Amino acid sequence: MVICCYGDEGNIEALYQRLSATLAALTPSYEIIYVNDASPDKSEVILRNLAAKDKNLTVVNHARNFGAQAAFTSGMIQATGDVVVLMDGDLQDPPELIEDFVRKWQEGYQVVYGVRTKREKSMGRLTQWIYHMFYVIFQKLAYMKVPLDAGEFSLMDRAVVNHINSMPERDRLIRGLRAWVGYKSIGIDYARPERFDGRKSVSTKGYIAGIRWARKAIFSFSFKPIEYITHFSLAMVILALLGILIYLVLFFVKGAPAGFMTLVVIVLFFSAVQLLGIAALGEYIGRIFEEVKGRPRFIIRDIVNDHRGKSEQ
């Protein structure tokens, strides 16, 4: 069980209680791994107190905030079980659903993921629609099949986890890598509740992070942006050649047509196309730059109840 923790001090104890009860009912041998991604609140203190009472609880403390994807990666490397369940620490993913995940795993599915059929009311219908439409667009653009409305909340077999852990890339998106690996998978529908601690789950920073996440998803698992720009550029070249031909015909028939604004609009249009192409190339080049530096994906400051040994990845 891997939980990403950042700003979740109001959820930790309630989630721990519900998780412990759920996991204990499923198996006598389980582990709960909380990855504290340098949370600025009292999360570390709360987690250390819980870990002192429960040896099944491991706390991984990062040296700084490396992001949710790095936190999940850190926890997956630390995990030792036959299956690994990922979930956020905000209690918007119901721990009780893990029982259904395990049941599907026992039926032969190596990946079981939660599908958000209904999001929290505080998000608003427009925002919910935007999130859903992004998944639809991402599914169309990606070069492998990506489930709709599926986040990190999932169960993965040890074979799947080992494959994802072996991937050297640093700009990671776990839900994308999970789909890329393949294996037999299935989704389980659930309605996402409000945050347990009462804080809004979506804010201005949340929207900005969502845009950043959307860029990561598209440019990490799709070549379509470059392909579309190439096709569009070819179409514009053909259109430009036709325009030149028409202009020459008109020039020799009745003189060159006047129209300064037409020229301005055309220049602005092609300039926008060029900037769009440069932006798309920049996204890919930026990711190449991040990968070739080869820096660690995260740095662990310390681990409470360590069963593997401190590491840097």
C-alpha atoms as a PDB file:
ATOM      1  CA  MET A   1       0.000   0.000   0.000  1.00  0.00           C
ATOM      2  CA  VAL A   2       1.630   3.258  -1.154  1.00  0.00           C
ATOM      3  CA  ILE A   3       0.176   6.630  -0.183  1.00  0.00           C
ATOM      4  CA  CYS A   4       1.402   9.983  -1.458  1.00  0.00           C
ATOM      5  CA  CYS A   5       1.234  12.566   1.328  1.00  0.00           C
ATOM      6  CA  TYR A   6       1.450  16.335   0.892  1.00  0.00           C
ATOM      7  CA  GLY A   7      -0.651  18.741   2.948  1.00  0.00           C
ATOM      8  CA  ASP A   8      -2.806  15.926   4.311  1.00  0.00           C
ATOM      9  CA  GLU A   9      -2.360  16.247   8.077  1.00  0.00           C
ATOM     10  CA  GLY A  10      -6.139  16.381   8.561  1.00  0.00           C
ATOM     11  CA  ASN A  11      -6.627  13.075   6.727  1.00  0.00           C
ATOM     12  CA  ILE A  12      -3.772  10.884   7.951  1.00  0.00           C
ATOM     13  CA  GLU A  13      -5.247   9.309  11.075  1.00  0.00           C
ATOM     14  CA  ALA A  14      -8.694   8.697   9.559  1.00  0.00           C
ATOM     15  CA  LEU A  15      -7.162   7.143   6.437  1.00  0.00           C
ATOM     16  CA  TYR A  16      -4.780   5.039   8.511  1.00  0.00           C
ATOM     17  CA  GLN A  17      -7.648   3.650  10.599  1.00  0.00           C
ATOM     18  CA  ARG A  18      -9.779   2.783   7.590  1.00  0.00           C
ATOM     19  CA  LEU A  19      -6.834   1.317   5.687  1.00  0.00           C
ATOM     20  CA  SER A  20      -5.683  -0.814   8.599  1.00  0.00           C
ATOM     21  CA  ALA A  21      -9.165  -2.237   9.085  1.00  0.00           C
ATOM     22  CA  THR A  22      -9.567  -2.962   5.360  1.00  0.00           C
ATOM     23  CA  LEU A  23      -6.140  -4.564   4.911  1.00  0.00           C
ATOM     24  CA  ALA A  24      -6.310  -6.591   8.129  1.00  0.00           C
ATOM     25  CA  ALA A  25      -9.580  -8.117   6.920  1.00  0.00           C
ATOM     26  CA  LEU A  26      -7.910  -9.150   3.656  1.00  0.00           C
ATOM     27  CA  THR A  27      -4.558 -10.531   4.838  1.00  0.00           C
ATOM     28  CA  PRO A  28      -2.494 -10.877   8.023  1.00  0.00           C
ATOM     29  CA  SER A  29       0.595  -9.717   6.092  1.00  0.00           C
ATOM     30  CA  TYR A  30       0.405  -6.187   4.751  1.00  0.00           C
ATOM     31  CA  GLU A  31       2.375  -2.954   4.716  1.00  0.00           C
ATOM     32  CA  ILE A  32       1.312   0.668   4.537  1.00  0.00           C
ATOM     33  CA  ILE A  33       3.929   2.958   3.016  1.00  0.00           C
ATOM     34  CA  TYR A  34       3.376   6.669   3.476  1.00  0.00           C
ATOM     35  CA  VAL A  35       5.637   8.830   1.306  1.00  0.00           C
ATOM     36  CA  ASN A  36       5.890  12.246   2.935  1.00  0.00           C
ATOM     37  CA  ASP A  37       6.902  14.460   0.016  1.00  0.00           C
ATOM     38  CA  ALA A  38       8.268  17.209   2.294  1.00  0.00           C
ATOM     39  CA  SER A  39       4.787  18.194   3.413  1.00  0.00           C
ATOM     40  CA  PRO A  40       4.882  21.690   5.007  1.00  0.00           C
ATOM     41  CA  ASP A  41       2.349  20.840   7.744  1.00  0.00           C
ATOM     42  CA  LYS A  42       2.504  18.424  10.706  1.00  0.00           C
ATOM     43  CA  SER A  43       2.188  15.310   8.556  1.00  0.00           C
ATOM     44  CA  GLU A  44       5.649  13.995   9.437  1.00  0.00           C
ATOM     45  CA  VAL A  45       5.037  14.273  13.186  1.00  0.00           C
ATOM     46  CA  ILE A  46       1.715  12.455  12.917  1.00  0.00           C
ATOM     47  CA  LEU A  47       3.197   9.737  10.713  1.00  0.00           C
ATOM     48  CA  ARG A  48       6.169   9.170  13.031  1.00  0.00           C
ATOM     49  CA  ASN A  49       3.839   8.751  15.990  1.00  0.00           C
ATOM     50  CA  LEU A  50       1.724   6.207  14.121  1.00  0.00           C
ATOM     51  CA  ALA A  51       4.809   4.335  12.873  1.00  0.00           C
ATOM     52  CA  ALA A  52       6.148   4.070  16.417  1.00  0.00           C
ATOM     53  CA  LYS A  53       3.018   2.092  17.345  1.00  0.00           C
ATOM     54  CA  ASP A  54       2.645   0.050  14.154  1.00  0.00           C
ATOM     55  CA  LYS A  55       5.586  -1.725  12.486  1.00  0.00           C
ATOM     56  CA  ASN A  56       3.397  -2.386   9.434  1.00  0.00           C
ATOM     57  CA  LEU A  57       3.522   1.349   8.740  1.00  0.00           C
ATOM     58  CA  THR A  58       6.597   2.617   6.869  1.00  0.00           C
ATOM     59  CA  VAL A  59       7.210   6.344   6.486  1.00  0.00           C
ATOM     60  CA  VAL A  60       9.463   7.572   3.682  1.00  0.00           C
ATOM     61  CA  ASN A  61      10.497  11.213   4.116  1.00  0.00           C
ATOM     62  CA  HIS A  62      11.794  13.041   1.048  1.00  0.00           C
ATOM     63  CA  ALA A  63      14.492  15.685   1.316  1.00  0.00           C
ATOM     64  CA  ARG A  64      12.256  18.159  -0.527  1.00  0.00           C
ATOM     65  CA  ASN A  65       9.061  18.191  -2.540  1.00  0.00           C
ATOM     66  CA  PHE A  66       9.670  16.165  -5.709  1.00  0.00           C
ATOM     67  CA  GLY A  67       6.030  15.861  -6.787  1.00  0.00           C
ATOM     68  CA  ALA A  68       3.365  13.173  -6.582  1.00  0.00           C
ATOM     69  CA  GLN A  69       4.766  11.013  -9.375  1.00  0.00           C
ATOM     70  CA  ALA A  70       8.180  10.848  -7.729  1.00  0.00           C
ATOM     71  CA  ALA A  71       6.485  10.064  -4.396  1.00  0.00           C
ATOM     72  CA  PHE A  72       4.563   7.149  -5.886  1.00  0.00           C
ATOM     73  CA  THR A  73       7.757   5.907  -7.542  1.00  0.00           C
ATOM     74  CA  SER A  74       9.595   6.114  -4.236  1.00  0.00           C
ATOM     75  CA  GLY A  75       6.887   4.095  -2.490  1.00  0.00           C
ATOM     76  CA  MET A  76       6.731   1.488  -5.266  1.00  0.00           C
ATOM     77  CA  ILE A  77      10.477   0.868  -4.954  1.00  0.00           C
ATOM     78  CA  GLN A  78      10.105   0.549  -1.187  1.00  0.00           C
ATOM     79  CA  ALA A  79       7.137  -1.851  -1.419  1.00  0.00           C
ATOM     80  CA  THR A  80       7.728  -5.588  -0.951  1.00  0.00           C
ATOM     81  CA  GLY A  81       4.268  -7.120  -1.437  1.00  0.00           C
ATOM     82  CA  ASP A  82       2.894  -9.351  -4.183  1.00  0.00           C
ATOM     83  CA  VAL A  83       0.569  -6.494  -5.110  1.00  0.00           C
ATOM     84  CA  VAL A  84       0.909  -2.739  -4.656  1.00  0.00           C
ATOM     85  CA  VAL A  85      -2.013  -0.340  -4.254  1.00  0.00           C
ATOM     86  CA  LEU A  86      -1.507   3.366  -4.971  1.00  0.00           C
ATOM     87  CA  MET A  87      -3.692   6.118  -3.588  1.00  0.00           C
ATOM     88  CA  ASP A  88      -3.581   9.795  -2.637  1.00  0.00           C
ATOM     89  CA  GLY A  89      -3.649  10.810   0.993  1.00  0.00           C
ATOM     90  CA  ASP A  90      -6.703  13.085   0.776  1.00  0.00           C
ATOM     91  CA  LEU A  91      -9.301  10.310   1.388  1.00  0.00           C
ATOM     92  CA  GLN A  92     -11.015  10.992  -1.921  1.00  0.00           C
ATOM     93  CA  ASP A  93     -10.224   7.423  -2.930  1.00  0.00           C
ATOM     94  CA  PRO A  94     -12.236   5.066  -0.658  1.00  0.00           C
ATOM     95  CA  PRO A  95      -9.933   2.485   1.007  1.00  0.00           C
ATOM     96  CA  GLU A  96     -12.819   0.014   1.205  1.00  0.00           C
ATOM     97  CA  LEU A  97     -12.665  -0.331  -2.605  1.00  0.00           C
ATOM     98  CA  ILE A  98      -9.352  -2.187  -2.196  1.00  0.00           C
ATOM     99  CA  GLU A  99     -11.335  -5.311  -1.316  1.00  0.00           C
ATOM    100  CA  ASP A 100     -12.885  -5.212  -4.804  1.00  0.00           C
ATOM    101  CA  PHE A 101      -9.437  -4.585  -6.304  1.00  0.00           C
ATOM    102  CA  VAL A 102      -8.048  -7.697  -4.607  1.00  0.00           C
ATOM    103  CA  ARG A 103     -11.025  -9.779  -5.716  1.00  0.00           C
ATOM    104  CA  LYS A 104     -10.377  -8.839  -9.350  1.00  0.00           C
ATOM    105  CA  TRP A 105      -6.665  -9.573  -8.917  1.00  0.00           C
ATOM    106  CA  GLN A 106      -7.547 -13.030  -7.639  1.00  0.00           C
ATOM    107  CA  GLU A 107      -9.632 -13.505 -10.785  1.00  0.00           C
ATOM    108  CA  GLY A 108      -6.488 -13.004 -12.885  1.00  0.00           C
ATOM    109  CA  TYR A 109      -6.283  -9.255 -13.555  1.00  0.00           C
ATOM    110  CA  GLN A 110      -2.780  -7.830 -13.057  1.00  0.00           C
ATOM    111  CA  VAL A 111      -3.962  -4.202 -13.043  1.00  0.00           C
ATOM    112  CA  VAL A 112      -7.165  -3.017 -11.373  1.00  0.00           C
ATOM    113  CA  TYR A 113      -7.816   0.723 -11.446  1.00  0.00           C
ATOM    114  CA  GLY A 114     -10.518   2.997 -10.081  1.00  0.00           C
ATOM    115  CA  VAL A 115     -12.719   4.841 -12.576  1.00  0.00           C
ATOM    116  CA  ARG A 116     -14.145   8.150 -11.360  1.00  0.00           C
ATOM    117  CA  THR A 117     -17.719   8.038 -12.584  1.00  0.00           C
ATOM    118  CA  LYS A 118     -18.619  11.022 -10.399  1.00  0.00           C
ATOM    119  CA  ARG A 119     -16.344  13.674  -8.932  1.00  0.00           C
ATOM    120  CA  GLU A 120     -16.767  15.820  -5.843  1.00  0.00           C
ATOM    121  CA  LYS A 121     -19.522  18.479  -6.036  1.00  0.00           C
ATOM    122  CA  SER A 122     -17.133  21.270  -5.021  1.00  0.00           C
ATOM    123  CA  MET A 123     -15.342  20.823  -8.354  1.00  0.00           C
ATOM    124  CA  GLY A 124     -18.324  22.088 -10.338  1.00  0.00           C
ATOM    125  CA  ARG A 125     -19.911  20.591 -13.440  1.00  0.00           C
ATOM    126  CA  LEU A 126     -17.841  22.625 -15.894  1.00  0.00           C
ATOM    127  CA  THR A 127     -14.573  21.558 -14.281  1.00  0.00           C
ATOM    128  CA  GLN A 128     -15.731  17.944 -14.153  1.00  0.00           C
ATOM    129  CA  TRP A 129     -16.575  18.119 -17.861  1.00  0.00           C
ATOM    130  CA  ILE A 130     -13.157  19.631 -18.661  1.00  0.00           C
ATOM    131  CA  TYR A 131     -11.382  16.836 -16.760  1.00  0.00           C
ATOM    132  CA  HIS A 132     -13.435  14.185 -18.556  1.00  0.00           C
ATOM    133  CA  MET A 133     -12.841  15.744 -21.973  1.00  0.00           C
ATOM    134  CA  PHE A 134      -9.116  15.816 -21.330  1.00  0.00           C
ATOM    135  CA  TYR A 135      -9.156  12.058 -20.742  1.00  0.00           C
ATOM    136  CA  VAL A 136     -11.092  11.642 -23.997  1.00  0.00           C
ATOM    137  CA  ILE A 137      -8.533  13.750 -25.897  1.00  0.00           C
ATOM    138  CA  PHE A 138      -5.600  12.015 -24.201  1.00  0.00           C
ATOM    139  CA  GLN A 139      -7.009   8.630 -25.162  1.00  0.00           C
ATOM    140  CA  LYS A 140      -7.257   9.772 -28.796  1.00  0.00           C
ATOM    141  CA  LEU A 141      -3.714  11.165 -28.846  1.00  0.00           C
ATOM    142  CA  ALA A 142      -1.806   8.486 -26.902  1.00  0.00           C
ATOM    143  CA  TYR A 143      -0.030   5.713 -28.782  1.00  0.00           C
ATOM    144  CA  MET A 144      -1.451   3.084 -26.389  1.00  0.00           C
ATOM    145  CA  LYS A 145      -4.889   2.508 -24.884  1.00  0.00           C
ATOM    146  CA  VAL A 146      -5.482   4.770 -21.870  1.00  0.00           C
ATOM    147  CA  PRO A 147      -8.520   4.220 -19.596  1.00  0.00           C
ATOM    148  CA  LEU A 148     -10.950   7.110 -19.253  1.00  0.00           C
ATOM    149  CA  ASP A 149     -11.235   8.929 -15.887  1.00  0.00           C
ATOM    150  CA  ALA A 150      -8.655   6.674 -14.191  1.00  0.00           C
ATOM    151  CA  GLY A 151      -6.111   8.199 -11.826  1.00  0.00           C
ATOM    152  CA  GLU A 152      -3.308   6.677  -9.781  1.00  0.00           C
ATOM    153  CA  PHE A 153      -5.740   4.857  -7.455  1.00  0.00           C
ATOM    154  CA  SER A 154      -5.117   1.271  -8.523  1.00  0.00           C
ATOM    155  CA  LEU A 155      -3.805  -2.179  -7.667  1.00  0.00           C
ATOM    156  CA  MET A 156      -0.846  -3.550  -9.610  1.00  0.00           C
ATOM    157  CA  ASP A 157       0.619  -7.027  -9.599  1.00  0.00           C
ATOM    158  CA  ARG A 158       4.276  -7.402  -8.608  1.00  0.00           C
ATOM    159  CA  ALA A 159       5.217  -8.112 -12.252  1.00  0.00           C
ATOM    160  CA  VAL A 160       3.721  -4.783 -13.349  1.00  0.00           C
ATOM    161  CA  VAL A 161       5.394  -2.911 -10.484  1.00  0.00           C
ATOM    162  CA  ASN A 162       8.786  -4.437 -11.320  1.00  0.00           C
ATOM    163  CA  HIS A 163       8.497  -3.345 -14.941  1.00  0.00           C
ATOM    164  CA  ILE A 164       7.567   0.227 -13.996  1.00  0.00           C
ATOM    165  CA  ASN A 165      10.345   0.383 -11.390  1.00  0.00           C
ATOM    166  CA  SER A 166      12.881  -0.750 -13.991  1.00  0.00           C
ATOM    167  CA  MET A 167      12.076   2.150 -16.323  1.00  0.00           C
ATOM    168  CA  PRO A 168      14.874   4.754 -16.092  1.00  0.00           C
ATOM    169  CA  GLU A 169      12.833   7.781 -17.178  1.00  0.00           C
ATOM    170  CA  ARG A 170      12.527  10.651 -14.724  1.00  0.00           C
ATOM    171  CA  ASP A 171       9.602  12.642 -16.093  1.00  0.00           C
ATOM    172  CA  ARG A 172       7.116   9.998 -15.031  1.00  0.00           C
ATOM    173  CA  LEU A 173       3.344   9.635 -15.157  1.00  0.00           C
ATOM    174  CA  ILE A 174       2.422   6.430 -13.342  1.00  0.00           C
ATOM    175  CA  ARG A 175      -1.043   6.037 -14.863  1.00  0.00           C
ATOM    176  CA  GLY A 176       0.518   6.331 -18.318  1.00  0.00           C
ATOM    177  CA  LEU A 177       3.335   3.888 -17.563  1.00  0.00           C
ATOM    178  CA  ARG A 178       0.781   1.497 -16.080  1.00  0.00           C
ATOM    179  CA  ALA A 179      -1.140   1.534 -19.369  1.00  0.00           C
ATOM    180  CA  TRP A 180       2.054   1.312 -21.442  1.00  0.00           C
ATOM    181  CA  VAL A 181       3.224  -1.853 -19.655  1.00  0.00           C
ATOM    182  CA  GLY A 182       0.024  -3.612 -20.662  1.00  0.00           C
ATOM    183  CA  TYR A 183      -1.070  -6.817 -18.887  1.00  0.00           C
ATOM    184  CA  LYS A 184      -4.658  -7.804 -18.224  1.00  0.00           C
ATOM    185  CA  SER A 185      -6.499  -4.896 -16.636  1.00  0.00           C
ATOM    186  CA  ILE A 186      -9.970  -3.841 -15.566  1.00  0.00           C
ATOM    187  CA  GLY A 187     -11.604  -0.750 -14.088  1.00  0.00           C
ATOM    188  CA  ILE A 188     -13.950  -0.455 -11.121  1.00  0.00           C
ATOM    189  CA  ASP A 189     -16.367   2.486 -10.972  1.00  0.00           C
ATOM    190  CA  TYR A 190     -16.636   4.675  -7.897  1.00  0.00           C
ATOM    191  CA  ALA A 191     -17.913   8.110  -6.929  1.00  0.00           C
ATOM    192  CA  ARG A 192     -15.224  10.432  -5.596  1.00  0.00           C
ATOM    193  CA  PRO A 193     -16.233  12.094  -2.302  1.00  0.00           C
ATOM    194  CA  GLU A 194     -15.238  15.505  -0.955  1.00  0.00           C
ATOM    195  CA  ARG A 195     -11.940  15.885   0.883  1.00  0.00           C
ATOM    196  CA  PHE A 196     -12.201  14.509   4.423  1.00  0.00           C
ATOM    197  CA  ASP A 197     -10.605  17.580   6.025  1.00  0.00           C
ATOM    198  CA  GLY A 198     -13.111  19.899   4.349  1.00  0.00           C
ATOM    199  CA  ARG A 199     -10.646  21.891   2.246  1.00  0.00           C
ATOM    200  CA  LYS A 200     -11.398  22.514  -1.416  1.00  0.00           C
ATOM    201  CA  SER A 201      -9.890  19.894  -3.687  1.00  0.00           C
ATOM    202  CA  VAL A 202      -9.590  22.335  -6.608  1.00  0.00           C
ATOM    203  CA  SER A 203      -7.982  25.792  -6.423  1.00  0.00           C
ATOM    204  CA  THR A 204      -6.164  28.193  -8.742  1.00  0.00           C
ATOM    205  CA  LYS A 205      -2.924  26.349  -8.051  1.00  0.00           C
ATOM    206  CA  GLY A 206      -4.782  23.128  -8.692  1.00  0.00           C
ATOM    207  CA  TYR A 207      -5.853  24.331 -12.144  1.00  0.00           C
ATOM    208  CA  ILE A 208      -2.269  25.339 -12.979  1.00  0.00           C
ATOM    209  CA  ALA A 209      -1.010  21.957 -11.779  1.00  0.00           C
ATOM    210  CA  GLY A 210      -3.723  20.293 -13.859  1.00  0.00           C
ATOM    211  CA  ILE A 211      -2.522  22.079 -16.997  1.00  0.00           C
ATOM    212  CA  ARG A 212       1.054  21.065 -16.225  1.00  0.00           C
ATOM    213  CA  TRP A 213      -0.068  17.471 -15.697  1.00  0.00           C
ATOM    214  CA  ALA A 214      -2.008  17.519 -18.989  1.00  0.00           C
ATOM    215  CA  ARG A 215       1.107  18.659 -20.850  1.00  0.00           C
ATOM    216  CA  LYS A 216       3.124  15.917 -19.197  1.00  0.00           C
ATOM    217  CA  ALA A 217       0.589  13.284 -20.206  1.00  0.00           C
ATOM    218  CA  ILE A 218       0.297  14.353 -23.843  1.00  0.00           C
ATOM    219  CA  PHE A 219       3.960  14.996 -24.589  1.00  0.00           C
ATOM    220  CA  SER A 220       5.152  11.879 -22.734  1.00  0.00           C
ATOM    221  CA  PHE A 221       2.826   9.426 -24.464  1.00  0.00           C
ATOM    222  CA  SER A 222       2.020  10.936 -27.847  1.00  0.00           C
ATOM    223  CA  PHE A 223       3.791  12.046 -31.025  1.00  0.00           C
ATOM    224  CA  LYS A 224       0.550  13.436 -32.427  1.00  0.00           C
ATOM    225  CA  PRO A 225       1.319  17.146 -31.686  1.00  0.00           C
ATOM    226  CA  ILE A 226       4.399  16.994 -33.935  1.00  0.00           C
ATOM    227  CA  GLU A 227       2.516  14.956 -36.531  1.00  0.00           C
ATOM    228  CA  TYR A 228      -0.400  17.407 -36.582  1.00  0.00           C
ATOM    229  CA  ILE A 229       1.936  20.369 -36.976  1.00  0.00           C
ATOM    230  CA  THR A 230       3.717  18.588 -39.848  1.00  0.00           C
ATOM    231  CA  HIS A 231       0.432  17.845 -41.606  1.00  0.00           C
ATOM    232  CA  PHE A 232      -0.819  21.372 -41.007  1.00  0.00           C
ATOM    233  CA  SER A 233       2.436  22.852 -42.323  1.00  0.00           C
ATOM    234  CA  LEU A 234       2.199  20.772 -45.488  1.00  0.00           C
ATOM    235  CA  ALA A 235      -1.389  21.933 -45.981  1.00  0.00           C
ATOM    236  CA  MET A 236      -0.293  25.544 -45.523  1.00  0.00           C
ATOM    237  CA  VAL A 237       2.522  25.126 -48.047  1.00  0.00           C
ATOM    238  CA  ILE A 238       0.033  23.790 -50.599  1.00  0.00           C
ATOM    239  CA  LEU A 239      -2.358  26.641 -49.794  1.00  0.00           C
ATOM    240  CA  ALA A 240       0.471  29.158 -50.124  1.00  0.00           C
ATOM    241  CA  LEU A 241       1.459  27.767 -53.536  1.00  0.00           C
ATOM    242  CA  LEU A 242      -2.152  28.021 -54.693  1.00  0.00           C
ATOM    243  CA  GLY A 243      -2.258  31.588 -53.384  1.00  0.00           C
ATOM    244  CA  ILE A 244       0.892  32.487 -55.306  1.00  0.00           C
ATOM    245  CA  LEU A 245      -0.535  30.947 -58.473  1.00  0.00           C
ATOM    246  CA  ILE A 246      -3.802  32.869 -58.099  1.00  0.00           C
ATOM    247  CA  TYR A 247      -1.879  36.075 -57.384  1.00  0.00           C
ATOM    248  CA  LEU A 248       0.217  35.675 -60.548  1.00  0.00           C
ATOM    249  CA  VAL A 249      -2.888  35.042 -62.632  1.00  0.00           C
ATOM    250  CA  LEU A 250      -4.593  38.134 -61.257  1.00  0.00           C
ATOM    251  CA  PHE A 251      -1.389  40.154 -61.681  1.00  0.00           C
ATOM    252  CA  PHE A 252      -1.090  39.412 -65.372  1.00  0.00           C
ATOM    253  CA  VAL A 253      -4.837  39.718 -66.019  1.00  0.00           C
ATOM    254  CA  LYS A 254      -5.743  42.945 -64.225  1.00  0.00           C
ATOM    255  CA  GLY A 255      -2.849  43.932 -61.989  1.00  0.00           C
ATOM    256  CA  ALA A 256      -1.938  42.980 -58.428  1.00  0.00           C
ATOM    257  CA  PRO A 257      -4.882  43.220 -55.969  1.00  0.00           C
ATOM    258  CA  ALA A 258      -4.600  45.757 -53.163  1.00  0.00           C
ATOM    259  CA  GLY A 259      -5.060  44.800 -49.521  1.00  0.00           C
ATOM    260  CA  PHE A 260      -2.633  45.763 -46.766  1.00  0.00           C
ATOM    261  CA  MET A 261      -4.781  44.204 -43.997  1.00  0.00           C
ATOM    262  CA  THR A 262      -4.871  40.919 -45.870  1.00  0.00           C
ATOM    263  CA  LEU A 263      -1.075  40.851 -45.807  1.00  0.00           C
ATOM    264  CA  VAL A 264      -1.010  41.645 -42.076  1.00  0.00           C
ATOM    265  CA  VAL A 265      -3.495  38.871 -41.268  1.00  0.00           C
ATOM    266  CA  ILE A 266      -1.533  36.346 -43.318  1.00  0.00           C
ATOM    267  CA  VAL A 267       1.762  37.293 -41.624  1.00  0.00           C
ATOM    268  CA  LEU A 268       0.198  37.081 -38.176  1.00  0.00           C
ATOM    269  CA  PHE A 269      -1.380  33.719 -39.003  1.00  0.00           C
ATOM    270  CA  PHE A 270       1.835  32.114 -40.210  1.00  0.00           C
ATOM    271  CA  SER A 271       3.776  33.634 -37.295  1.00  0.00           C
ATOM    272  CA  ALA A 272       1.297  32.012 -34.882  1.00  0.00           C
ATOM    273  CA  VAL A 273       1.733  28.672 -36.670  1.00  0.00           C
ATOM    274  CA  GLN A 274       5.522  28.960 -36.343  1.00  0.00           C
ATOM    275  CA  LEU A 275       5.303  29.818 -32.648  1.00  0.00           C
ATOM    276  CA  LEU A 276       2.979  26.859 -32.091  1.00  0.00           C
ATOM    277  CA  GLY A 277       5.471  24.566 -33.801  1.00  0.00           C
ATOM    278  CA  ILE A 278       8.360  25.945 -31.736  1.00  0.00           C
ATOM    279  CA  ALA A 279       6.314  25.496 -28.530  1.00  0.00           C
ATOM    280  CA  ALA A 280       5.596  21.843 -29.338  1.00  0.00           C
ATOM    281  CA  LEU A 281       9.253  21.204 -30.142  1.00  0.00           C
ATOM    282  CA  GLY A 282      10.211  22.955 -26.910  1.00  0.00           C
ATOM    283  CA  GLU A 283       8.030  20.591 -24.883  1.00  0.00           C
ATOM    284  CA  TYR A 284       9.778  17.557 -26.318  1.00  0.00           C
ATOM    285  CA  ILE A 285      13.265  19.093 -26.098  1.00  0.00           C
ATOM    286  CA  GLY A 286      12.646  20.110 -22.480  1.00  0.00           C
ATOM    287  CA  ARG A 287      11.810  16.515 -21.608  1.00  0.00           C
ATOM    288  CA  ILE A 288      14.905  15.266 -23.427  1.00  0.00           C
ATOM    289  CA  PHE A 289      17.000  17.797 -21.477  1.00  0.00           C
ATOM    290  CA  GLU A 290      15.563  16.566 -18.165  1.00  0.00           C
ATOM    291  CA  GLU A 291      16.229  12.921 -19.027  1.00  0.00           C
ATOM    292  CA  VAL A 292      19.832  13.302 -20.230  1.00  0.00           C
ATOM    293  CA  LYS A 293      20.899  15.094 -17.022  1.00  0.00           C
ATOM    294  CA  GLY A 294      20.332  11.813 -15.199  1.00  0.00           C
ATOM    295  CA  ARG A 295      19.595  13.366 -11.801  1.00  0.00           C
ATOM    296  CA  PRO A 296      17.882  11.264  -9.095  1.00  0.00           C
ATOM    297  CA  ARG A 297      14.099  11.124  -9.373  1.00  0.00           C
ATOM    298  CA  PHE A 298      13.902  11.760  -5.631  1.00  0.00           C
ATOM    299  CA  ILE A 299      16.142  11.869  -2.567  1.00  0.00           C
ATOM    300  CA  ILE A 300      15.143  10.120   0.652  1.00  0.00           C
ATOM    301  CA  ARG A 301      16.038  11.936   3.859  1.00  0.00           C
ATOM    302  CA  ASP A 302      15.117   9.054   6.159  1.00  0.00           C
ATOM    303  CA  ILE A 303      12.791   6.072   6.455  1.00  0.00           C
ATOM    304  CA  VAL A 304      10.886   4.958   9.535  1.00  0.00           C
ATOM    305  CA  ASN A 305      10.416   1.157   9.816  1.00  0.00           C
ATOM    306  CA  ASP A 306      12.635   0.553   6.793  1.00  0.00           C
ATOM    307  CA  HIS A 307      12.472  -2.978   5.352  1.00  0.00           C
ATOM    308  CA  ARG A 308      14.698  -2.432   2.340  1.00  0.00           C
ATOM    309  CA  GLY A 309      17.403   0.127   3.166  1.00  0.00           C
ATOM    310  CA  LYS A 310      17.740   3.830   2.421  1.00  0.00           C
ATOM    311  CA  SER A 311      18.224   4.665  -1.238  1.00  0.00           C
ATOM    312  CA  GLU A 312      18.387   7.462  -3.795  1.00  0.00           C
ATOM    313  CA  GLN A 313      16.742   7.061  -7.195  1.00  0.00           C
END
